[in-house]
Amino acid sequence: MAAVHVLDDYYLAITLLITIAYQLFFFSIAFSFKFDKLTDFAGGTNFVVLAIITLAFSGNRDNARNIVVSVFIMLWGARLSGFLLFRILKTGKDDRFDDKRDKFWSFLGFWVFQMLWVWTVSLPVTILNSPNVTRFNQPEFGTGRDIAGVILFSIGLVMESVSDIQKYRFRTAHGSDGAVCSVGLFSWTRHPNYFGEIIIQFSIFMIAVSPAADGYVHGGAYAALYASILGPFFLTALLMFLSGLPLQERPGAKKRYEKGNRWPEYARWLHRTSILIPFPPQLYEKMPVFLKRTVFLEFPIYVFDPAKHSDQNKNPSSAAEEGQTRSSDEAGLRS
């Protein structure tokens, strides 16, 4: 069956239009009814919609590679949206929108960014399923690159799924008592769900790019498949420099320090646990700062220094109390 040609031969326009329409539909509900429960659900399920549509339009619906990458992103999107929907139904409200929920343009800005996230991260699947790629013969599924991609995807999905469950169960058990979630995967990395999500996207790209890497496609299709690495790079940059680690690392440590909410225990966890890449804590705590800041990606923008970043320094009444704890706490954080 021949591929369906819709708007452009890489399906970039049709997937963008579908994404915009899908997100605006859910935005209208969320803004009109001040309803937080569909926001993340709309993001995750949008990946499923795009994968189904591009695979259905594709002339390669019998090709295992197209099916695998499409199913992989569907599994990831469905699991993510399902878990986030379950969590918000339990908690009732999304604190991210407390200052945006009643402001049309601020709230819409979040949804516009979600459109960009969905469309960009879907690029490897979108382009692999597009007519400009499917018109070429492809290598049989099962190359070394395909197998490596399947293994990485499996590891990433397990890590993301297990860590989400571990953190949810931990928070349910401890409530607001301030306990540090250092159980299971969180004893090896402070953000196992982020690490799992990153390797999932790179594994999908690894499988999708096989026709180009093995020389079966050429010209614009060759360049387009390699350019689709923008998807996993965009997600990685998002988690590391915008909406992920920067919003959790230093702000989270600052809040703990100023409230005195089990700060010594938290500081020890920071000192012993890799920020992203899983690593044995016994070895990580002895690692030189240079390696932590480079190889293990714990960049200075994530590091909380009480002397520089704590608001307590602006309050003279807290200076004596802060001085009593600073020497031990900073020693742990700066090493």
Protein backbone atom coordinates (compact mmCIF):
# COMPACT_ATOMS: atom_id res chain seq x y z
CA MET A 1 0.00 0.00 0.00
CA ALA A 2 1.42 3.39 -0.98
CA ALA A 3 2.08 6.06 1.63
CA VAL A 4 -0.48 8.83 1.90
CA HIS A 5 0.96 12.23 0.98
CA VAL A 6 -0.46 14.88 3.32
CA LEU A 7 0.67 18.53 3.10
CA ASP A 8 4.37 17.64 2.95
CA ASP A 9 6.35 14.48 2.34
CA TYR A 10 7.86 14.43 5.85
CA TYR A 11 4.54 14.79 7.69
CA LEU A 12 5.90 17.82 9.52
CA ALA A 13 2.96 20.08 8.72
CA ILE A 14 0.16 17.60 9.37
CA THR A 15 1.64 16.51 12.71
CA LEU A 16 2.10 20.13 13.74
CA LEU A 17 -1.50 21.01 12.87
CA ILE A 18 -2.84 17.95 14.68
CA THR A 19 -0.75 18.78 17.73
CA ILE A 20 -1.93 22.39 17.82
CA ALA A 21 -5.59 21.37 17.48
CA TYR A 22 -5.27 18.60 20.09
CA GLN A 23 -3.61 20.84 22.66
CA LEU A 24 -5.93 23.79 22.08
CA PHE A 25 -8.92 21.50 22.62
CA PHE A 26 -7.66 20.44 26.04
CA PHE A 27 -6.48 23.99 26.84
CA SER A 28 -10.00 25.28 26.29
CA ILE A 29 -11.31 22.78 28.85
CA ALA A 30 -8.54 23.42 31.35
CA PHE A 31 -8.87 27.20 31.19
CA SER A 32 -12.67 27.37 31.06
CA PHE A 33 -13.22 25.03 34.02
CA LYS A 34 -9.91 25.69 35.88
CA PHE A 35 -9.33 21.95 35.51
CA ASP A 36 -5.76 20.70 36.04
CA LYS A 37 -6.36 17.01 35.60
CA LEU A 38 -6.08 16.85 31.80
CA THR A 39 -2.89 18.86 31.24
CA ASP A 40 -0.26 16.12 31.39
CA PHE A 41 -2.73 13.58 30.01
CA ALA A 42 -3.09 15.77 26.90
CA GLY A 43 0.69 15.87 26.47
CA GLY A 44 1.31 12.13 26.78
CA THR A 45 -1.63 10.98 24.68
CA ASN A 46 -0.68 13.42 21.90
CA PHE A 47 2.39 11.26 21.21
CA VAL A 48 0.11 8.25 20.83
CA VAL A 49 -2.16 10.10 18.39
CA LEU A 50 0.75 11.23 16.18
CA ALA A 51 2.32 7.78 16.10
CA ILE A 52 -0.97 6.10 15.15
CA ILE A 53 -1.74 8.61 12.41
CA THR A 54 1.72 8.62 10.80
CA LEU A 55 1.93 4.82 10.94
CA ALA A 56 -1.53 4.52 9.40
CA PHE A 57 -0.55 6.92 6.60
CA SER A 58 2.75 5.12 6.09
CA GLY A 59 3.27 2.68 3.25
CA ASN A 60 5.47 0.64 5.59
CA ARG A 61 2.87 -0.65 8.01
CA ASP A 62 4.23 -4.14 7.43
CA ASN A 63 7.79 -3.07 8.17
CA ALA A 64 8.83 -4.15 11.66
CA ARG A 65 11.00 -1.08 12.23
CA ASN A 66 8.16 1.37 11.65
CA ILE A 67 5.88 -0.66 13.87
CA VAL A 68 8.47 -0.95 16.65
CA VAL A 69 9.34 2.76 16.88
CA SER A 70 5.66 3.71 16.66
CA VAL A 71 4.65 1.23 19.36
CA PHE A 72 7.59 2.30 21.55
CA ILE A 73 6.58 5.95 21.58
CA MET A 74 2.94 4.93 22.10
CA LEU A 75 3.94 2.81 25.12
CA TRP A 76 6.00 5.62 26.56
CA GLY A 77 3.32 8.27 25.98
CA ALA A 78 0.49 6.09 27.28
CA ARG A 79 2.39 5.07 30.42
CA LEU A 80 3.47 8.64 31.15
CA SER A 81 0.03 10.14 30.64
CA GLY A 82 -1.65 7.33 32.59
CA PHE A 83 0.64 7.70 35.59
CA LEU A 84 0.40 11.49 35.64
CA LEU A 85 -3.38 11.33 35.36
CA PHE A 86 -3.53 8.85 38.25
CA ARG A 87 -1.26 11.08 40.36
CA ILE A 88 -3.21 14.29 39.72
CA LEU A 89 -6.49 12.51 40.49
CA LYS A 90 -5.01 11.60 43.87
CA THR A 91 -3.50 15.01 44.66
CA GLY A 92 -6.35 17.06 43.17
CA LYS A 93 -4.41 20.12 41.96
CA ASP A 94 -1.26 20.94 39.99
CA ASP A 95 0.78 23.52 41.89
CA ARG A 96 2.63 24.51 38.71
CA PHE A 97 -0.39 26.51 37.60
CA ASP A 98 -1.22 28.38 40.79
CA ASP A 99 0.07 31.64 39.28
CA LYS A 100 -1.16 30.91 35.73
CA ARG A 101 -4.55 29.23 35.98
CA ASP A 102 -6.53 32.49 35.83
CA LYS A 103 -4.27 34.28 33.36
CA PHE A 104 -5.17 33.44 29.78
CA TRP A 105 -1.86 34.25 28.07
CA SER A 106 0.38 32.83 30.80
CA PHE A 107 -1.62 29.62 30.88
CA LEU A 108 -1.72 29.42 27.08
CA GLY A 109 2.06 29.86 27.03
CA PHE A 110 2.47 26.57 28.88
CA TRP A 111 0.26 24.79 26.35
CA VAL A 112 2.14 26.31 23.41
CA PHE A 113 5.36 24.97 24.88
CA GLN A 114 3.70 21.58 25.31
CA MET A 115 2.81 21.67 21.60
CA LEU A 116 6.47 22.27 20.76
CA TRP A 117 7.57 19.48 23.10
CA VAL A 118 5.23 16.89 21.59
CA TRP A 119 5.92 17.79 17.97
CA THR A 120 9.71 17.95 18.37
CA VAL A 121 10.16 14.79 20.44
CA SER A 122 7.98 12.88 17.95
CA LEU A 123 10.28 13.75 15.03
CA PRO A 124 12.15 10.41 14.76
CA VAL A 125 8.87 8.48 14.47
CA THR A 126 7.20 11.10 12.27
CA ILE A 127 10.04 11.20 9.75
CA LEU A 128 10.60 7.42 9.67
CA ASN A 129 6.90 6.96 8.81
CA SER A 130 6.90 9.72 6.18
CA PRO A 131 6.64 9.11 2.38
CA ASN A 132 10.11 10.52 1.68
CA VAL A 133 11.61 7.75 3.82
CA THR A 134 9.22 4.85 3.23
CA ARG A 135 9.73 5.04 -0.56
CA PHE A 136 13.21 3.54 -0.01
CA ASN A 137 13.85 -0.09 0.75
CA GLN A 138 14.93 -0.61 4.35
CA PRO A 139 17.19 -3.13 6.04
CA GLU A 140 15.41 -5.98 7.75
CA PHE A 141 14.68 -5.23 11.39
CA GLY A 142 17.21 -6.90 13.69
CA THR A 143 20.45 -5.05 12.97
CA GLY A 144 22.86 -4.45 15.83
CA ARG A 145 21.58 -0.91 16.07
CA ASP A 146 17.98 -2.12 16.30
CA ILE A 147 18.82 -4.62 19.04
CA ALA A 148 20.77 -2.01 21.02
CA GLY A 149 17.82 0.37 20.69
CA VAL A 150 15.35 -2.23 21.96
CA ILE A 151 17.59 -2.99 24.96
CA LEU A 152 18.03 0.69 25.80
CA PHE A 153 14.31 1.34 25.46
CA SER A 154 13.52 -1.56 27.80
CA ILE A 155 16.01 -0.29 30.40
CA GLY A 156 14.70 3.25 30.14
CA LEU A 157 11.04 2.26 30.39
CA VAL A 158 11.70 0.05 33.42
CA MET A 159 13.73 2.80 35.12
CA GLU A 160 11.13 5.49 34.50
CA SER A 161 8.19 3.27 35.50
CA VAL A 162 9.80 1.82 38.62
CA SER A 163 11.14 5.16 39.85
CA ASP A 164 7.73 6.83 39.42
CA ILE A 165 6.13 4.07 41.49
CA GLN A 166 8.87 4.16 44.13
CA LYS A 167 8.58 7.92 44.58
CA TYR A 168 4.78 7.87 44.66
CA ARG A 169 4.73 5.11 47.29
CA PHE A 170 7.39 6.88 49.33
CA ARG A 171 5.50 10.19 49.33
CA THR A 172 2.24 8.41 50.16
CA ALA A 173 3.87 6.70 53.13
CA HIS A 174 5.72 9.75 54.46
CA GLY A 175 3.41 12.61 53.55
CA SER A 176 4.96 15.92 54.59
CA ASP A 177 7.26 14.61 57.30
CA GLY A 178 10.32 15.73 55.31
CA ALA A 179 11.85 12.28 54.82
CA VAL A 180 14.41 12.05 52.02
CA CYS A 181 13.47 9.74 49.17
CA SER A 182 16.69 7.77 48.92
CA VAL A 183 15.13 4.36 48.34
CA GLY A 184 15.56 2.00 45.39
CA LEU A 185 16.75 3.73 42.23
CA PHE A 186 16.88 7.05 44.10
CA SER A 187 19.90 5.77 46.02
CA TRP A 188 21.86 5.60 42.73
CA THR A 189 20.58 8.74 41.03
CA ARG A 190 18.54 11.69 42.24
CA HIS A 191 16.44 11.66 39.05
CA PRO A 192 16.11 8.09 37.72
CA ASN A 193 12.87 8.98 35.89
CA TYR A 194 14.64 11.71 33.91
CA PHE A 195 17.53 9.41 33.03
CA GLY A 196 15.10 6.71 31.90
CA GLU A 197 13.16 9.21 29.78
CA ILE A 198 16.32 10.44 28.06
CA ILE A 199 17.57 7.00 27.07
CA ILE A 200 14.07 6.05 25.87
CA GLN A 201 14.12 8.89 23.34
CA PHE A 202 17.66 8.19 22.17
CA SER A 203 16.80 4.48 21.77
CA ILE A 204 13.86 5.35 19.53
CA PHE A 205 16.10 7.59 17.44
CA MET A 206 18.72 4.83 17.24
CA ILE A 207 16.21 2.44 15.69
CA ALA A 208 14.60 5.08 13.45
CA VAL A 209 17.93 6.19 11.94
CA SER A 210 18.99 2.65 10.92
CA PRO A 211 17.91 2.99 7.25
CA ALA A 212 20.17 6.04 6.87
CA ALA A 213 23.04 4.64 8.92
CA ASP A 214 23.04 1.44 6.86
CA GLY A 215 23.00 3.32 3.56
CA TYR A 216 19.50 2.40 2.41
CA VAL A 217 18.25 5.99 2.11
CA HIS A 218 20.01 9.00 0.67
CA GLY A 219 19.54 12.63 -0.20
CA GLY A 220 17.00 14.61 1.79
CA ALA A 221 15.63 11.53 3.54
CA TYR A 222 19.12 10.67 4.81
CA ALA A 223 19.56 14.17 6.23
CA ALA A 224 16.04 14.23 7.68
CA LEU A 225 16.49 11.00 9.61
CA TYR A 226 19.72 12.22 11.17
CA ALA A 227 18.19 15.67 11.84
CA SER A 228 15.43 13.99 13.86
CA ILE A 229 17.97 13.67 16.67
CA LEU A 230 16.66 17.14 17.50
CA GLY A 231 13.84 15.31 19.31
CA PRO A 232 15.92 13.52 21.98
CA PHE A 233 18.30 16.49 22.24
CA PHE A 234 15.38 18.84 22.83
CA LEU A 235 13.96 16.62 25.57
CA THR A 236 17.39 16.28 27.21
CA ALA A 237 17.95 20.04 27.14
CA LEU A 238 14.46 20.60 28.53
CA LEU A 239 15.07 18.28 31.48
CA MET A 240 18.59 19.50 32.19
CA PHE A 241 18.33 23.24 31.63
CA LEU A 242 14.72 24.40 31.77
CA SER A 243 11.80 22.54 33.35
CA GLY A 244 13.55 19.62 35.05
CA LEU A 245 16.71 19.82 37.12
CA PRO A 246 16.92 23.64 37.45
CA LEU A 247 13.46 23.75 39.06
CA GLN A 248 14.23 20.94 41.49
CA GLU A 249 17.86 20.89 42.50
CA ARG A 250 18.88 24.29 43.90
CA PRO A 251 15.32 25.43 44.77
CA GLY A 252 14.64 22.13 46.53
CA ALA A 253 17.85 22.31 48.55
CA LYS A 254 17.21 25.97 49.41
CA LYS A 255 13.74 25.16 50.71
CA ARG A 256 15.07 22.27 52.80
CA TYR A 257 17.89 24.34 54.25
CA GLU A 258 15.79 27.32 55.23
CA LYS A 259 13.03 25.22 56.77
CA GLY A 260 15.49 22.93 58.53
CA ASN A 261 13.48 20.03 57.15
CA ARG A 262 15.93 17.16 57.80
CA TRP A 263 18.62 19.21 56.09
CA PRO A 264 21.67 17.16 57.27
CA GLU A 265 20.07 13.99 55.89
CA TYR A 266 19.25 15.73 52.63
CA ALA A 267 22.74 17.21 52.32
CA ARG A 268 24.26 13.76 52.80
CA TRP A 269 22.00 12.37 50.03
CA LEU A 270 23.13 15.17 47.69
CA HIS A 271 26.74 14.42 48.50
CA ARG A 272 26.44 10.66 47.93
CA THR A 273 24.04 10.46 44.97
CA SER A 274 24.68 11.23 41.31
CA ILE A 275 22.38 13.88 39.92
CA LEU A 276 21.40 11.97 36.76
CA ILE A 277 23.63 9.08 35.67
CA PRO A 278 23.15 6.05 37.98
CA PHE A 279 26.28 5.29 40.00
CA PRO A 280 27.05 3.49 43.30
CA PRO A 281 26.73 6.05 46.13
CA GLN A 282 29.73 4.62 47.99
CA LEU A 283 31.93 5.56 45.03
CA TYR A 284 30.19 8.80 44.12
CA GLU A 285 30.72 10.42 47.51
CA LYS A 286 34.48 9.86 47.19
CA MET A 287 34.67 11.20 43.66
CA PRO A 288 36.59 14.44 43.01
CA VAL A 289 34.44 17.53 42.48
CA PHE A 290 35.91 17.97 38.98
CA LEU A 291 34.49 14.62 37.84
CA LYS A 292 31.12 15.32 39.44
CA ARG A 293 30.90 18.66 37.62
CA THR A 294 31.93 17.23 34.22
CA VAL A 295 31.47 13.50 33.65
CA PHE A 296 28.44 13.23 35.93
CA LEU A 297 26.85 16.51 34.77
CA GLU A 298 26.35 18.06 38.21
CA PHE A 299 26.87 21.55 36.85
CA PRO A 300 27.30 24.56 39.18
CA ILE A 301 23.80 25.84 38.26
CA TYR A 302 22.35 22.92 40.24
CA VAL A 303 24.51 23.27 43.35
CA PHE A 304 23.10 25.01 46.41
CA ASP A 305 25.59 27.01 48.47
CA PRO A 306 23.97 28.27 51.69
CA ALA A 307 26.37 31.21 51.91
CA LYS A 308 25.31 32.47 48.47
CA HIS A 309 21.79 31.25 47.91
CA SER A 310 20.02 31.18 51.28
CA ASP A 311 17.65 34.04 52.11
CA GLN A 312 18.49 33.50 55.77
CA ASN A 313 21.66 35.50 55.17
CA LYS A 314 19.45 38.57 54.68
CA ASN A 315 17.88 38.12 58.13
CA PRO A 316 20.21 39.12 60.98
CA SER A 317 18.16 37.20 63.52
CA SER A 318 18.99 33.94 61.81
CA ALA A 319 22.73 34.55 61.44
CA ALA A 320 23.72 32.86 64.69
CA GLU A 321 21.62 29.78 63.99
CA GLU A 322 22.90 29.58 60.41
CA GLY A 323 26.51 29.89 61.55
CA GLN A 324 26.12 26.83 63.76
CA THR A 325 25.10 24.61 60.85
CA ARG A 326 26.93 26.15 57.92
CA SER A 327 30.36 24.63 58.37
CA SER A 328 29.17 21.00 58.39
CA ASP A 329 26.50 21.48 55.74
CA GLU A 330 28.66 23.35 53.25
CA ALA A 331 31.44 20.82 53.64
CA GLY A 332 29.07 18.13 52.45
CA LEU A 333 27.65 20.16 49.57
CA ARG A 334 30.90 21.49 48.15
CA SER A 335 32.78 18.20 48.16
